Amino acid sequence: MKLNIRSYTMRPIICKLDSKLYRVPKRKKIITKAINHILNVIDIITFENEGKTTKEYLTSRKYETLKMFLSFVIEKGYCTLTQEKMAYKIGVSHPIINELIKWLEEIEICQQIKTVGAGRRRNSFYILTLHPNYLYILEYFRTEWYFPLEMNPLYSKYRIELTELL
């Protein structure tokens, strides 16, 4: 679901969310474990829909881009980088990032909230639906900003447990 918020409200949202969210420790093993869990879930969904694993379905470049995108959103459960900055950091073109995010929204792994300022698109919120912080982020946007976000059914089925990571 694509919802719009004004860009001048981004800073308070980030400050308020960051103070209450669990952060996945930046140890490589833990982040890799969380990314692999999400990739396994994506594999299950892709195999159900396409009859192929994610690695077979996506090109090798898109698969590596998927891993990098997940590394951006895994720490807090959301990311606010622009697609241009993500493309620059990963080293791919903007259309590849855009296509990947649309695909992740289709299979309901990611939710996007777009921000608008001065008539132009700004940073977006990319929310990872399998993260332990997902319910808190969802509740925050429902209560503080009155966005009609619905809980993703994948969360209850495949969410990352904190005990699995530690």
Protein backbone atom coordinates (compact mmCIF):
# COMPACT_ATOMS: atom_id res chain seq x y z
CA MET A 1 0.00 0.00 0.00
CA LYS A 2 1.42 3.37 -0.94
CA LEU A 3 0.64 6.17 1.48
CA ASN A 4 2.01 9.69 1.45
CA ILE A 5 3.30 11.79 4.34
CA ARG A 6 4.96 15.17 4.28
CA SER A 7 8.76 15.11 4.39
CA TYR A 8 9.04 17.67 7.18
CA THR A 9 7.52 15.08 9.51
CA MET A 10 10.21 12.46 8.78
CA ARG A 11 12.64 13.53 11.51
CA PRO A 12 10.20 13.27 14.44
CA ILE A 13 8.97 9.90 13.16
CA ILE A 14 12.50 8.53 12.97
CA CYS A 15 13.43 9.89 16.41
CA LYS A 16 10.32 8.51 18.06
CA LEU A 17 10.62 5.11 16.40
CA ASP A 18 14.35 4.72 17.01
CA SER A 19 14.02 5.27 20.73
CA LYS A 20 11.66 2.31 21.19
CA LEU A 21 12.75 -0.25 18.62
CA TYR A 22 14.85 -3.35 19.10
CA ARG A 23 17.96 -3.25 16.93
CA VAL A 24 19.52 -6.34 15.47
CA PRO A 25 23.14 -6.24 16.67
CA LYS A 26 25.60 -5.28 13.95
CA ARG A 27 27.55 -8.51 14.33
CA LYS A 28 28.00 -10.07 10.91
CA LYS A 29 26.84 -13.55 11.98
CA ILE A 30 23.57 -12.29 13.41
CA ILE A 31 22.72 -10.07 10.44
CA THR A 32 23.64 -12.88 8.02
CA LYS A 33 21.44 -15.29 9.98
CA ALA A 34 18.48 -12.88 9.81
CA ILE A 35 19.00 -12.23 6.08
CA ASN A 36 19.18 -15.98 5.41
CA HIS A 37 15.92 -16.49 7.32
CA ILE A 38 14.19 -13.87 5.17
CA LEU A 39 15.71 -15.32 1.99
CA ASN A 40 14.33 -18.75 2.98
CA VAL A 41 10.85 -17.24 3.38
CA ILE A 42 11.19 -15.49 0.00
CA ASP A 43 12.28 -18.85 -1.49
CA ILE A 44 9.13 -20.51 -0.14
CA ILE A 45 6.88 -17.77 -1.54
CA THR A 46 8.67 -17.68 -4.90
CA PHE A 47 8.53 -21.46 -5.22
CA GLU A 48 4.78 -21.44 -4.49
CA ASN A 49 4.14 -18.69 -7.07
CA GLU A 50 6.71 -19.36 -9.80
CA GLY A 51 7.89 -22.94 -9.27
CA LYS A 52 11.50 -21.70 -8.93
CA THR A 53 13.75 -20.68 -6.07
CA THR A 54 14.57 -17.01 -5.65
CA LYS A 55 18.09 -17.54 -6.97
CA GLU A 56 16.69 -19.14 -10.14
CA TYR A 57 13.88 -16.59 -10.50
CA LEU A 58 16.04 -13.45 -10.14
CA THR A 59 19.18 -12.67 -12.09
CA SER A 60 22.41 -12.97 -10.10
CA ARG A 61 22.71 -9.17 -9.97
CA LYS A 62 19.16 -8.77 -8.63
CA TYR A 63 19.74 -11.54 -6.10
CA GLU A 64 22.84 -9.77 -4.72
CA THR A 65 20.87 -6.50 -4.72
CA LEU A 66 18.13 -8.24 -2.73
CA LYS A 67 20.68 -9.31 -0.10
CA MET A 68 22.03 -5.77 0.16
CA PHE A 69 18.55 -4.26 0.42
CA LEU A 70 17.73 -6.68 3.23
CA SER A 71 20.93 -5.66 5.01
CA PHE A 72 19.66 -2.05 4.99
CA VAL A 73 16.26 -2.86 6.52
CA ILE A 74 17.24 -5.69 8.87
CA GLU A 75 18.77 -3.63 11.69
CA LYS A 76 15.65 -1.69 12.78
CA GLY A 77 12.95 -3.23 10.62
CA TYR A 78 12.72 -0.21 8.36
CA CYS A 79 14.89 1.94 6.14
CA THR A 80 14.47 5.53 4.94
CA LEU A 81 17.13 5.76 2.23
CA THR A 82 16.09 7.03 -1.17
CA GLN A 83 16.21 4.56 -4.02
CA GLU A 84 18.97 6.65 -5.62
CA LYS A 85 21.15 6.39 -2.50
CA MET A 86 20.49 2.66 -2.23
CA ALA A 87 21.43 2.18 -5.88
CA TYR A 88 24.62 4.18 -5.34
CA LYS A 89 25.62 2.25 -2.20
CA ILE A 90 24.91 -1.13 -3.76
CA GLY A 91 26.41 -0.21 -7.13
CA VAL A 92 23.41 -0.93 -9.34
CA SER A 93 21.06 1.21 -11.40
CA HIS A 94 17.98 2.89 -9.97
CA PRO A 95 15.52 0.83 -12.10
CA ILE A 96 16.89 -2.42 -10.62
CA ILE A 97 16.24 -1.16 -7.07
CA ASN A 98 12.80 0.11 -8.06
CA GLU A 99 11.86 -3.19 -9.70
CA LEU A 100 13.13 -5.19 -6.71
CA ILE A 101 11.16 -3.10 -4.20
CA LYS A 102 7.99 -3.44 -6.29
CA TRP A 103 8.51 -7.22 -6.38
CA LEU A 104 9.06 -7.35 -2.60
CA GLU A 105 5.82 -5.38 -2.12
CA GLU A 106 4.00 -7.80 -4.42
CA ILE A 107 5.06 -10.81 -2.37
CA GLU A 108 4.36 -8.81 0.82
CA ILE A 109 7.85 -8.93 2.32
CA CYS A 110 8.13 -5.14 2.30
CA GLN A 111 5.68 -2.27 2.77
CA GLN A 112 6.39 1.21 1.45
CA ILE A 113 5.22 4.56 2.78
CA LYS A 114 6.14 7.38 0.40
CA THR A 115 6.89 10.89 1.59
CA VAL A 116 6.13 14.01 -0.41
CA GLY A 117 7.66 17.45 0.00
CA ALA A 118 7.45 20.52 -2.26
CA GLY A 119 5.53 18.49 -4.80
CA ARG A 120 8.36 15.97 -5.28
CA ARG A 121 8.93 12.49 -3.93
CA ARG A 122 11.40 12.25 -1.09
CA ASN A 123 12.63 9.42 1.08
CA SER A 124 10.28 6.53 1.62
CA PHE A 125 9.80 4.22 4.57
CA TYR A 126 10.52 0.62 3.62
CA ILE A 127 9.14 -1.61 6.35
CA LEU A 128 10.24 -5.25 6.59
CA THR A 129 7.15 -7.29 7.44
CA LEU A 130 9.03 -10.20 9.04
CA HIS A 131 11.02 -8.14 11.55
CA PRO A 132 10.29 -8.32 15.31
CA ASN A 133 9.64 -4.54 15.28
CA TYR A 134 6.97 -4.80 12.58
CA LEU A 135 3.98 -4.70 14.95
CA TYR A 136 5.32 -1.68 16.81
CA ILE A 137 6.03 0.22 13.57
CA LEU A 138 2.58 -0.69 12.26
CA GLU A 139 0.88 0.42 15.47
CA TYR A 140 2.86 3.67 15.49
CA PHE A 141 1.70 4.64 12.00
CA ARG A 142 -1.88 3.63 12.80
CA THR A 143 -2.16 5.63 16.02
CA GLU A 144 0.10 8.63 15.40
CA TRP A 145 -0.55 9.18 11.69
CA TYR A 146 -3.87 7.37 11.20
CA PHE A 147 -2.63 5.34 8.26
CA PRO A 148 -4.88 2.41 7.39
CA LEU A 149 -2.05 -0.14 7.42
CA GLU A 150 -3.13 -3.76 7.74
CA MET A 151 -1.05 -6.42 9.43
CA ASN A 152 0.59 -8.71 6.94
CA PRO A 153 -0.38 -12.40 7.41
CA LEU A 154 3.21 -13.43 6.63
CA TYR A 155 4.32 -11.85 9.91
CA SER A 156 2.54 -14.38 12.10
CA LYS A 157 3.64 -17.27 9.89
CA TYR A 158 7.32 -16.49 9.22
CA ARG A 159 8.46 -13.68 11.54
CA ILE A 160 11.99 -13.61 12.89
CA GLU A 161 12.11 -14.61 16.55
CA LEU A 162 14.60 -12.72 18.69
CA THR A 163 15.72 -15.97 20.31
CA GLU A 164 16.69 -17.33 16.88
CA LEU A 165 19.05 -14.43 16.29
CA LEU A 166 20.88 -14.44 19.62
